[in-house]
Amino acid sequence: MIKHASIKLLVTGGTLDKGYNELNGELVFTQTRLPEMLQQSRCYKDISIHTVLLKDSLAMNESDRDEILRACQASKESQLIITHGTDTMTRTAEHLAAQIKDKTIVLLGAMIPYEFKKSDSLFNLGTAIAAVQCLPAGVYITMNGNIFNWDHVTKNKQKGVFESN
């Protein structure tokens, strides 16, 4: 029997984890929805969840990226998934790729929050879980059913998709 390595899921925020504040109509962070998402997906993999931060990626700075880097480096798991906002996902991926060579890291996000109807978050999470188990060490982004090397992808803001560059 093949023993599969456990997966660490690092939460950093982004649209995927935003919720709707009924009082003021804003999208806000209260807590991660990842445990609920894994349960709904009937995912039985050995996945531990660690919340690093809950932030919109446009509000992230280099200190936040260093915090994500430290969380990756401190993880005993070699398969890491990071939830992240889509606007600066490639910037964080670049930061990680410059420092980490011995782990498989997959970043994912969503264009529509998990708690909204027609969200892409479950599909993107499922793609990331499959990808992290199959890819060699390196940093990748999974969006829209695609797996990209971190340095060969851009967000097409007009279409709302990620594309190879």
N, C-alpha and C. Protein backbone atom coordinates (compact mmCIF):
# COMPACT_ATOMS: atom_id res chain seq x y z
N MET A 1 0.84 -1.19 0.00
CA MET A 1 0.00 0.00 0.00
C MET A 1 0.88 1.25 0.00
N ILE A 2 0.55 2.21 -0.84
CA ILE A 2 1.30 3.46 -0.92
C ILE A 2 0.85 4.40 0.19
N LYS A 3 1.80 4.93 0.95
CA LYS A 3 1.48 5.90 2.00
C LYS A 3 1.58 7.30 1.39
N HIS A 4 0.50 8.03 1.45
CA HIS A 4 0.48 9.37 0.89
C HIS A 4 0.80 10.40 1.97
N ALA A 5 1.58 11.37 1.61
CA ALA A 5 1.96 12.44 2.55
C ALA A 5 0.73 13.29 2.88
N SER A 6 0.74 13.83 4.08
CA SER A 6 -0.34 14.73 4.45
C SER A 6 -0.13 16.08 3.77
N ILE A 7 -1.21 16.84 3.72
CA ILE A 7 -1.22 18.14 3.05
C ILE A 7 -1.49 19.22 4.09
N LYS A 8 -0.77 20.33 3.99
CA LYS A 8 -1.03 21.49 4.85
C LYS A 8 -1.71 22.54 3.98
N LEU A 9 -2.83 23.05 4.47
CA LEU A 9 -3.58 24.09 3.78
C LEU A 9 -3.41 25.38 4.57
N LEU A 10 -2.73 26.35 3.97
CA LEU A 10 -2.48 27.64 4.61
C LEU A 10 -3.49 28.66 4.09
N VAL A 11 -4.20 29.27 5.00
CA VAL A 11 -5.23 30.24 4.67
C VAL A 11 -4.64 31.64 4.78
N THR A 12 -4.80 32.44 3.72
CA THR A 12 -4.32 33.83 3.78
C THR A 12 -5.42 34.84 3.46
N GLY A 13 -6.58 34.37 3.06
CA GLY A 13 -7.69 35.28 2.76
C GLY A 13 -8.06 35.24 1.30
N GLY A 14 -8.42 36.36 0.77
CA GLY A 14 -8.86 36.43 -0.62
C GLY A 14 -10.38 36.27 -0.72
N THR A 15 -10.88 36.45 -1.91
CA THR A 15 -12.32 36.40 -2.16
C THR A 15 -12.93 35.10 -1.68
N LEU A 16 -12.24 33.99 -1.82
CA LEU A 16 -12.74 32.68 -1.43
C LEU A 16 -13.34 32.72 -0.03
N ASP A 17 -12.69 33.37 0.91
CA ASP A 17 -13.11 33.38 2.31
C ASP A 17 -13.91 34.61 2.72
N LYS A 18 -14.26 35.46 1.79
CA LYS A 18 -15.04 36.64 2.17
C LYS A 18 -16.50 36.27 2.42
N GLY A 19 -17.09 36.96 3.38
CA GLY A 19 -18.50 36.79 3.69
C GLY A 19 -19.22 38.11 3.49
N TYR A 20 -20.53 38.03 3.44
CA TYR A 20 -21.35 39.21 3.21
C TYR A 20 -21.84 39.76 4.53
N ASN A 21 -21.56 41.03 4.79
CA ASN A 21 -22.05 41.71 5.98
C ASN A 21 -23.41 42.30 5.64
N GLU A 22 -24.46 41.72 6.22
CA GLU A 22 -25.82 42.15 5.89
C GLU A 22 -26.14 43.55 6.39
N LEU A 23 -25.39 44.04 7.37
CA LEU A 23 -25.67 45.36 7.93
C LEU A 23 -25.20 46.50 7.04
N ASN A 24 -24.03 46.31 6.40
CA ASN A 24 -23.52 47.40 5.57
C ASN A 24 -23.28 47.01 4.11
N GLY A 25 -23.54 45.75 3.77
CA GLY A 25 -23.42 45.31 2.39
C GLY A 25 -22.00 45.08 1.91
N GLU A 26 -21.03 45.10 2.83
CA GLU A 26 -19.63 44.90 2.44
C GLU A 26 -19.24 43.43 2.51
N LEU A 27 -18.20 43.09 1.75
CA LEU A 27 -17.60 41.77 1.85
C LEU A 27 -16.51 41.85 2.91
N VAL A 28 -16.54 40.94 3.88
CA VAL A 28 -15.63 40.99 5.02
C VAL A 28 -15.08 39.60 5.34
N PHE A 29 -14.02 39.58 6.15
CA PHE A 29 -13.46 38.34 6.66
C PHE A 29 -13.89 38.15 8.11
N THR A 30 -14.40 36.98 8.42
CA THR A 30 -14.68 36.65 9.81
C THR A 30 -13.91 35.41 10.23
N GLN A 31 -13.96 34.38 9.39
CA GLN A 31 -13.21 33.15 9.62
C GLN A 31 -13.11 32.40 8.30
N THR A 32 -12.21 31.44 8.25
CA THR A 32 -12.09 30.66 7.02
C THR A 32 -13.27 29.70 6.88
N ARG A 33 -13.65 29.45 5.65
CA ARG A 33 -14.71 28.49 5.34
C ARG A 33 -14.14 27.15 4.88
N LEU A 34 -12.81 26.99 4.97
CA LEU A 34 -12.17 25.78 4.44
C LEU A 34 -12.65 24.48 5.08
N PRO A 35 -12.83 24.39 6.41
CA PRO A 35 -13.34 23.13 6.96
C PRO A 35 -14.70 22.74 6.36
N GLU A 36 -15.58 23.72 6.22
CA GLU A 36 -16.89 23.48 5.61
C GLU A 36 -16.75 23.05 4.15
N MET A 37 -15.84 23.68 3.44
CA MET A 37 -15.64 23.34 2.03
C MET A 37 -15.14 21.92 1.87
N LEU A 38 -14.19 21.51 2.72
CA LEU A 38 -13.67 20.15 2.64
C LEU A 38 -14.76 19.14 2.98
N GLN A 39 -15.57 19.47 3.97
CA GLN A 39 -16.67 18.57 4.35
C GLN A 39 -17.69 18.46 3.23
N GLN A 40 -18.08 19.59 2.64
CA GLN A 40 -19.04 19.58 1.55
C GLN A 40 -18.51 18.79 0.35
N SER A 41 -17.21 18.88 0.12
CA SER A 41 -16.58 18.19 -1.00
C SER A 41 -16.38 16.71 -0.74
N ARG A 42 -16.65 16.28 0.50
CA ARG A 42 -16.44 14.90 0.92
C ARG A 42 -14.98 14.51 0.72
N CYS A 43 -14.10 15.43 1.07
CA CYS A 43 -12.67 15.20 0.96
C CYS A 43 -12.18 14.54 2.24
N TYR A 44 -11.60 13.36 2.11
CA TYR A 44 -11.15 12.59 3.26
C TYR A 44 -9.63 12.51 3.34
N LYS A 45 -8.95 13.36 2.61
CA LYS A 45 -7.49 13.42 2.67
C LYS A 45 -7.05 13.92 4.03
N ASP A 46 -5.82 13.57 4.40
CA ASP A 46 -5.23 14.07 5.64
C ASP A 46 -4.75 15.50 5.35
N ILE A 47 -5.61 16.48 5.65
CA ILE A 47 -5.32 17.88 5.38
C ILE A 47 -5.46 18.66 6.69
N SER A 48 -4.38 19.33 7.07
CA SER A 48 -4.47 20.21 8.24
C SER A 48 -4.57 21.65 7.74
N ILE A 49 -5.35 22.44 8.46
CA ILE A 49 -5.61 23.83 8.07
C ILE A 49 -4.97 24.75 9.09
N HIS A 50 -4.23 25.73 8.58
CA HIS A 50 -3.61 26.73 9.44
C HIS A 50 -3.90 28.12 8.85
N THR A 51 -4.54 28.97 9.64
CA THR A 51 -4.82 30.33 9.19
C THR A 51 -3.61 31.21 9.47
N VAL A 52 -2.99 31.69 8.41
CA VAL A 52 -1.85 32.60 8.53
C VAL A 52 -2.36 34.02 8.70
N LEU A 53 -3.30 34.41 7.84
CA LEU A 53 -3.96 35.71 7.93
C LEU A 53 -5.22 35.66 7.10
N LEU A 54 -6.09 36.61 7.29
CA LEU A 54 -7.30 36.76 6.49
C LEU A 54 -7.30 38.17 5.94
N LYS A 55 -6.84 38.30 4.69
CA LYS A 55 -6.65 39.62 4.11
C LYS A 55 -6.98 39.61 2.63
N ASP A 56 -7.47 40.72 2.16
CA ASP A 56 -7.61 40.92 0.73
C ASP A 56 -6.21 41.05 0.15
N SER A 57 -5.94 40.41 -0.96
CA SER A 57 -4.57 40.42 -1.48
C SER A 57 -4.11 41.81 -1.90
N LEU A 58 -5.03 42.71 -2.23
CA LEU A 58 -4.62 44.07 -2.57
C LEU A 58 -4.10 44.81 -1.34
N ALA A 59 -4.45 44.34 -0.15
CA ALA A 59 -3.98 44.96 1.10
C ALA A 59 -2.71 44.29 1.62
N MET A 60 -2.26 43.22 0.97
CA MET A 60 -1.05 42.52 1.41
C MET A 60 0.19 43.35 1.12
N ASN A 61 1.17 43.24 2.03
CA ASN A 61 2.45 43.90 1.84
C ASN A 61 3.57 42.87 1.96
N GLU A 62 4.80 43.30 1.87
CA GLU A 62 5.92 42.37 1.92
C GLU A 62 6.03 41.66 3.28
N SER A 63 5.63 42.33 4.33
CA SER A 63 5.63 41.71 5.65
C SER A 63 4.65 40.53 5.68
N ASP A 64 3.49 40.68 5.04
CA ASP A 64 2.52 39.59 4.95
C ASP A 64 3.08 38.43 4.13
N ARG A 65 3.76 38.76 3.03
CA ARG A 65 4.36 37.71 2.21
C ARG A 65 5.47 36.97 2.97
N ASP A 66 6.22 37.70 3.78
CA ASP A 66 7.23 37.07 4.62
C ASP A 66 6.58 36.14 5.64
N GLU A 67 5.43 36.53 6.16
CA GLU A 67 4.72 35.68 7.12
C GLU A 67 4.25 34.39 6.44
N ILE A 68 3.77 34.49 5.21
CA ILE A 68 3.37 33.31 4.45
C ILE A 68 4.59 32.44 4.18
N LEU A 69 5.70 33.04 3.81
CA LEU A 69 6.94 32.32 3.56
C LEU A 69 7.37 31.55 4.82
N ARG A 70 7.36 32.22 5.96
CA ARG A 70 7.75 31.55 7.22
C ARG A 70 6.84 30.37 7.54
N ALA A 71 5.55 30.52 7.27
CA ALA A 71 4.61 29.42 7.51
C ALA A 71 4.91 28.24 6.61
N CYS A 72 5.28 28.51 5.37
CA CYS A 72 5.66 27.43 4.45
C CYS A 72 6.94 26.75 4.91
N GLN A 73 7.92 27.54 5.27
CA GLN A 73 9.21 26.99 5.70
C GLN A 73 9.07 26.19 6.99
N ALA A 74 8.19 26.60 7.88
CA ALA A 74 8.01 25.93 9.16
C ALA A 74 7.20 24.64 9.05
N SER A 75 6.49 24.48 7.97
CA SER A 75 5.63 23.31 7.80
C SER A 75 6.46 22.05 7.60
N LYS A 76 6.12 21.01 8.35
CA LYS A 76 6.81 19.72 8.17
C LYS A 76 6.30 19.02 6.90
N GLU A 77 5.12 19.41 6.44
CA GLU A 77 4.57 18.82 5.22
C GLU A 77 5.29 19.38 4.00
N SER A 78 5.45 18.55 3.01
CA SER A 78 6.10 19.00 1.77
C SER A 78 5.07 19.37 0.70
N GLN A 79 3.80 19.09 0.96
CA GLN A 79 2.72 19.44 0.04
C GLN A 79 1.88 20.53 0.70
N LEU A 80 1.95 21.74 0.12
CA LEU A 80 1.27 22.90 0.70
C LEU A 80 0.29 23.51 -0.29
N ILE A 81 -0.89 23.85 0.21
CA ILE A 81 -1.88 24.58 -0.57
C ILE A 81 -2.10 25.90 0.14
N ILE A 82 -2.15 26.99 -0.62
CA ILE A 82 -2.34 28.31 -0.04
C ILE A 82 -3.54 28.98 -0.70
N THR A 83 -4.53 29.35 0.13
CA THR A 83 -5.63 30.16 -0.41
C THR A 83 -5.14 31.60 -0.45
N HIS A 84 -5.52 32.31 -1.49
CA HIS A 84 -4.96 33.65 -1.69
C HIS A 84 -5.89 34.45 -2.58
N GLY A 85 -5.89 35.75 -2.40
CA GLY A 85 -6.61 36.63 -3.31
C GLY A 85 -5.98 36.61 -4.69
N THR A 86 -6.80 36.76 -5.71
CA THR A 86 -6.31 36.60 -7.08
C THR A 86 -5.51 37.79 -7.61
N ASP A 87 -5.70 38.97 -7.03
CA ASP A 87 -5.05 40.16 -7.59
C ASP A 87 -3.53 40.17 -7.43
N THR A 88 -3.02 39.61 -6.34
CA THR A 88 -1.56 39.61 -6.13
C THR A 88 -1.01 38.21 -5.90
N MET A 89 -1.76 37.22 -6.31
CA MET A 89 -1.34 35.82 -6.13
C MET A 89 0.02 35.54 -6.77
N THR A 90 0.24 36.06 -7.96
CA THR A 90 1.52 35.79 -8.64
C THR A 90 2.69 36.45 -7.92
N ARG A 91 2.46 37.58 -7.28
CA ARG A 91 3.51 38.25 -6.53
C ARG A 91 3.95 37.40 -5.32
N THR A 92 2.97 36.84 -4.61
CA THR A 92 3.29 35.96 -3.49
C THR A 92 3.96 34.68 -3.99
N ALA A 93 3.48 34.13 -5.09
CA ALA A 93 4.10 32.93 -5.66
C ALA A 93 5.56 33.18 -6.00
N GLU A 94 5.85 34.32 -6.58
CA GLU A 94 7.24 34.67 -6.91
C GLU A 94 8.09 34.75 -5.64
N HIS A 95 7.55 35.35 -4.60
CA HIS A 95 8.26 35.48 -3.31
C HIS A 95 8.59 34.10 -2.74
N LEU A 96 7.65 33.19 -2.82
CA LEU A 96 7.87 31.84 -2.30
C LEU A 96 8.85 31.06 -3.16
N ALA A 97 8.71 31.17 -4.47
CA ALA A 97 9.57 30.41 -5.40
C ALA A 97 11.04 30.80 -5.25
N ALA A 98 11.30 32.04 -4.88
CA ALA A 98 12.69 32.49 -4.72
C ALA A 98 13.36 31.86 -3.50
N GLN A 99 12.56 31.39 -2.54
CA GLN A 99 13.11 30.90 -1.28
C GLN A 99 12.94 29.40 -1.03
N ILE A 100 11.93 28.79 -1.62
CA ILE A 100 11.59 27.39 -1.32
C ILE A 100 11.75 26.54 -2.57
N LYS A 101 12.58 25.54 -2.48
CA LYS A 101 12.84 24.68 -3.64
C LYS A 101 12.44 23.22 -3.41
N ASP A 102 12.18 22.84 -2.16
CA ASP A 102 12.01 21.43 -1.82
C ASP A 102 10.57 21.04 -1.47
N LYS A 103 9.60 21.90 -1.75
CA LYS A 103 8.21 21.61 -1.45
C LYS A 103 7.35 21.88 -2.67
N THR A 104 6.21 21.21 -2.72
CA THR A 104 5.22 21.49 -3.77
C THR A 104 4.20 22.43 -3.16
N ILE A 105 4.09 23.63 -3.75
CA ILE A 105 3.21 24.67 -3.24
C ILE A 105 2.23 25.05 -4.34
N VAL A 106 0.94 24.97 -4.01
CA VAL A 106 -0.10 25.32 -4.97
C VAL A 106 -0.96 26.42 -4.37
N LEU A 107 -1.04 27.55 -5.07
CA LEU A 107 -1.89 28.66 -4.66
C LEU A 107 -3.19 28.60 -5.43
N LEU A 108 -4.29 28.94 -4.75
CA LEU A 108 -5.58 29.01 -5.42
C LEU A 108 -6.38 30.16 -4.86
N GLY A 109 -7.34 30.59 -5.60
CA GLY A 109 -8.24 31.64 -5.17
C GLY A 109 -9.61 31.40 -5.76
N ALA A 110 -10.43 32.44 -5.74
CA ALA A 110 -11.77 32.36 -6.30
C ALA A 110 -12.17 33.74 -6.80
N MET A 111 -12.97 33.76 -7.81
CA MET A 111 -13.52 35.02 -8.32
C MET A 111 -14.80 35.39 -7.59
N ILE A 112 -15.48 34.39 -7.02
CA ILE A 112 -16.73 34.59 -6.30
C ILE A 112 -16.59 33.90 -4.94
N PRO A 113 -16.96 34.57 -3.83
CA PRO A 113 -16.81 33.95 -2.51
C PRO A 113 -17.55 32.62 -2.38
N TYR A 114 -16.99 31.74 -1.56
CA TYR A 114 -17.57 30.41 -1.35
C TYR A 114 -19.04 30.49 -0.95
N GLU A 115 -19.38 31.42 -0.10
CA GLU A 115 -20.76 31.44 0.41
C GLU A 115 -21.77 31.97 -0.61
N PHE A 116 -21.33 32.41 -1.78
CA PHE A 116 -22.24 32.89 -2.81
C PHE A 116 -22.56 31.76 -3.79
N LYS A 117 -23.77 31.79 -4.29
CA LYS A 117 -24.18 30.84 -5.31
C LYS A 117 -23.29 31.02 -6.55
N LYS A 118 -22.97 29.96 -7.22
CA LYS A 118 -22.16 29.94 -8.43
C LYS A 118 -20.69 30.27 -8.18
N SER A 119 -20.22 30.06 -6.94
CA SER A 119 -18.80 30.29 -6.64
C SER A 119 -17.94 29.24 -7.33
N ASP A 120 -16.77 29.65 -7.73
CA ASP A 120 -15.78 28.75 -8.33
C ASP A 120 -14.83 28.17 -7.27
N SER A 121 -15.05 28.49 -6.01
CA SER A 121 -14.09 28.12 -4.96
C SER A 121 -13.95 26.62 -4.75
N LEU A 122 -15.05 25.86 -4.73
CA LEU A 122 -14.94 24.41 -4.52
C LEU A 122 -14.17 23.74 -5.66
N PHE A 123 -14.46 24.13 -6.87
CA PHE A 123 -13.77 23.56 -8.02
C PHE A 123 -12.27 23.88 -7.97
N ASN A 124 -11.94 25.12 -7.65
CA ASN A 124 -10.53 25.51 -7.57
C ASN A 124 -9.82 24.80 -6.43
N LEU A 125 -10.50 24.59 -5.30
CA LEU A 125 -9.91 23.85 -4.19
C LEU A 125 -9.66 22.39 -4.58
N GLY A 126 -10.62 21.77 -5.22
CA GLY A 126 -10.45 20.39 -5.66
C GLY A 126 -9.29 20.24 -6.63
N THR A 127 -9.17 21.18 -7.54
CA THR A 127 -8.05 21.15 -8.49
C THR A 127 -6.72 21.27 -7.75
N ALA A 128 -6.66 22.15 -6.75
CA ALA A 128 -5.42 22.34 -5.98
C ALA A 128 -5.06 21.09 -5.19
N ILE A 129 -6.05 20.43 -4.60
CA ILE A 129 -5.79 19.21 -3.83
C ILE A 129 -5.23 18.12 -4.74
N ALA A 130 -5.80 17.96 -5.91
CA ALA A 130 -5.28 16.97 -6.86
C ALA A 130 -3.90 17.36 -7.35
N ALA A 131 -3.72 18.63 -7.68
CA ALA A 131 -2.45 19.09 -8.24
C ALA A 131 -1.29 18.92 -7.27
N VAL A 132 -1.49 19.28 -6.00
CA VAL A 132 -0.38 19.24 -5.04
C VAL A 132 0.13 17.81 -4.84
N GLN A 133 -0.72 16.83 -5.10
CA GLN A 133 -0.32 15.43 -4.94
C GLN A 133 0.41 14.87 -6.16
N CYS A 134 0.26 15.54 -7.30
CA CYS A 134 0.80 15.01 -8.55
C CYS A 134 2.03 15.76 -9.07
N LEU A 135 2.21 16.99 -8.65
CA LEU A 135 3.27 17.83 -9.21
C LEU A 135 4.58 17.66 -8.45
N PRO A 136 5.70 17.87 -9.15
CA PRO A 136 7.00 17.86 -8.46
C PRO A 136 7.16 19.15 -7.64
N ALA A 137 8.21 19.20 -6.85
CA ALA A 137 8.50 20.39 -6.05
C ALA A 137 8.52 21.62 -6.96
N GLY A 138 7.94 22.70 -6.47
CA GLY A 138 7.85 23.95 -7.22
C GLY A 138 6.65 24.73 -6.74
N VAL A 139 6.41 25.87 -7.36
CA VAL A 139 5.29 26.73 -6.99
C VAL A 139 4.36 26.85 -8.19
N TYR A 140 3.07 26.64 -7.94
CA TYR A 140 2.06 26.58 -8.99
C TYR A 140 0.84 27.39 -8.58
N ILE A 141 0.03 27.72 -9.58
CA ILE A 141 -1.26 28.36 -9.36
C ILE A 141 -2.31 27.53 -10.08
N THR A 142 -3.41 27.23 -9.36
CA THR A 142 -4.52 26.52 -10.00
C THR A 142 -5.75 27.42 -9.98
N MET A 143 -6.26 27.67 -11.15
CA MET A 143 -7.48 28.47 -11.30
C MET A 143 -8.19 28.00 -12.57
N ASN A 144 -9.50 28.04 -12.54
CA ASN A 144 -10.31 27.78 -13.74
C ASN A 144 -10.05 26.40 -14.33
N GLY A 145 -9.71 25.40 -13.49
CA GLY A 145 -9.44 24.05 -13.99
C GLY A 145 -8.07 23.88 -14.62
N ASN A 146 -7.24 24.88 -14.52
CA ASN A 146 -5.90 24.84 -15.09
C ASN A 146 -4.84 24.84 -13.99
N ILE A 147 -3.69 24.28 -14.32
CA ILE A 147 -2.53 24.31 -13.44
C ILE A 147 -1.45 25.08 -14.18
N PHE A 148 -0.94 26.12 -13.53
CA PHE A 148 0.06 26.98 -14.15
C PHE A 148 1.34 26.98 -13.33
N ASN A 149 2.50 27.04 -14.00
CA ASN A 149 3.72 27.40 -13.29
C ASN A 149 3.55 28.85 -12.87
N TRP A 150 4.01 29.17 -11.68
CA TRP A 150 3.78 30.51 -11.13
C TRP A 150 4.26 31.63 -12.05
N ASP A 151 5.30 31.38 -12.82
CA ASP A 151 5.89 32.43 -13.64
C ASP A 151 5.40 32.42 -15.10
N HIS A 152 4.35 31.64 -15.36
CA HIS A 152 3.78 31.60 -16.71
C HIS A 152 2.27 31.80 -16.67
N VAL A 153 1.82 32.71 -15.82
CA VAL A 153 0.39 32.94 -15.70
C VAL A 153 0.12 34.41 -15.38
N THR A 154 -0.99 34.91 -15.92
CA THR A 154 -1.46 36.25 -15.59
C THR A 154 -2.97 36.19 -15.40
N LYS A 155 -3.46 37.14 -14.63
CA LYS A 155 -4.90 37.27 -14.44
C LYS A 155 -5.44 38.21 -15.50
N ASN A 156 -6.37 37.72 -16.31
CA ASN A 156 -7.05 38.54 -17.29
C ASN A 156 -8.25 39.16 -16.58
N LYS A 157 -8.11 40.41 -16.18
CA LYS A 157 -9.15 41.07 -15.39
C LYS A 157 -10.41 41.36 -16.22
N GLN A 158 -10.29 41.48 -17.53
CA GLN A 158 -11.45 41.72 -18.36
C GLN A 158 -12.33 40.46 -18.46
N LYS A 159 -11.70 39.30 -18.53
CA LYS A 159 -12.43 38.04 -18.65
C LYS A 159 -12.68 37.36 -17.30
N GLY A 160 -11.92 37.76 -16.27
CA GLY A 160 -12.05 37.13 -14.96
C GLY A 160 -11.51 35.73 -14.92
N VAL A 161 -10.41 35.47 -15.66
CA VAL A 161 -9.78 34.16 -15.70
C VAL A 161 -8.26 34.31 -15.65
N PHE A 162 -7.60 33.21 -15.32
CA PHE A 162 -6.15 33.17 -15.39
C PHE A 162 -5.75 32.50 -16.69
N GLU A 163 -4.67 33.03 -17.31
CA GLU A 163 -4.24 32.54 -18.62
C GLU A 163 -2.73 32.36 -18.62
N SER A 164 -2.27 31.43 -19.45
CA SER A 164 -0.83 31.25 -19.64
C SER A 164 -0.26 32.47 -20.33
N ASN A 165 0.98 32.82 -19.95
CA ASN A 165 1.64 33.93 -20.64
C ASN A 165 2.96 33.49 -21.22
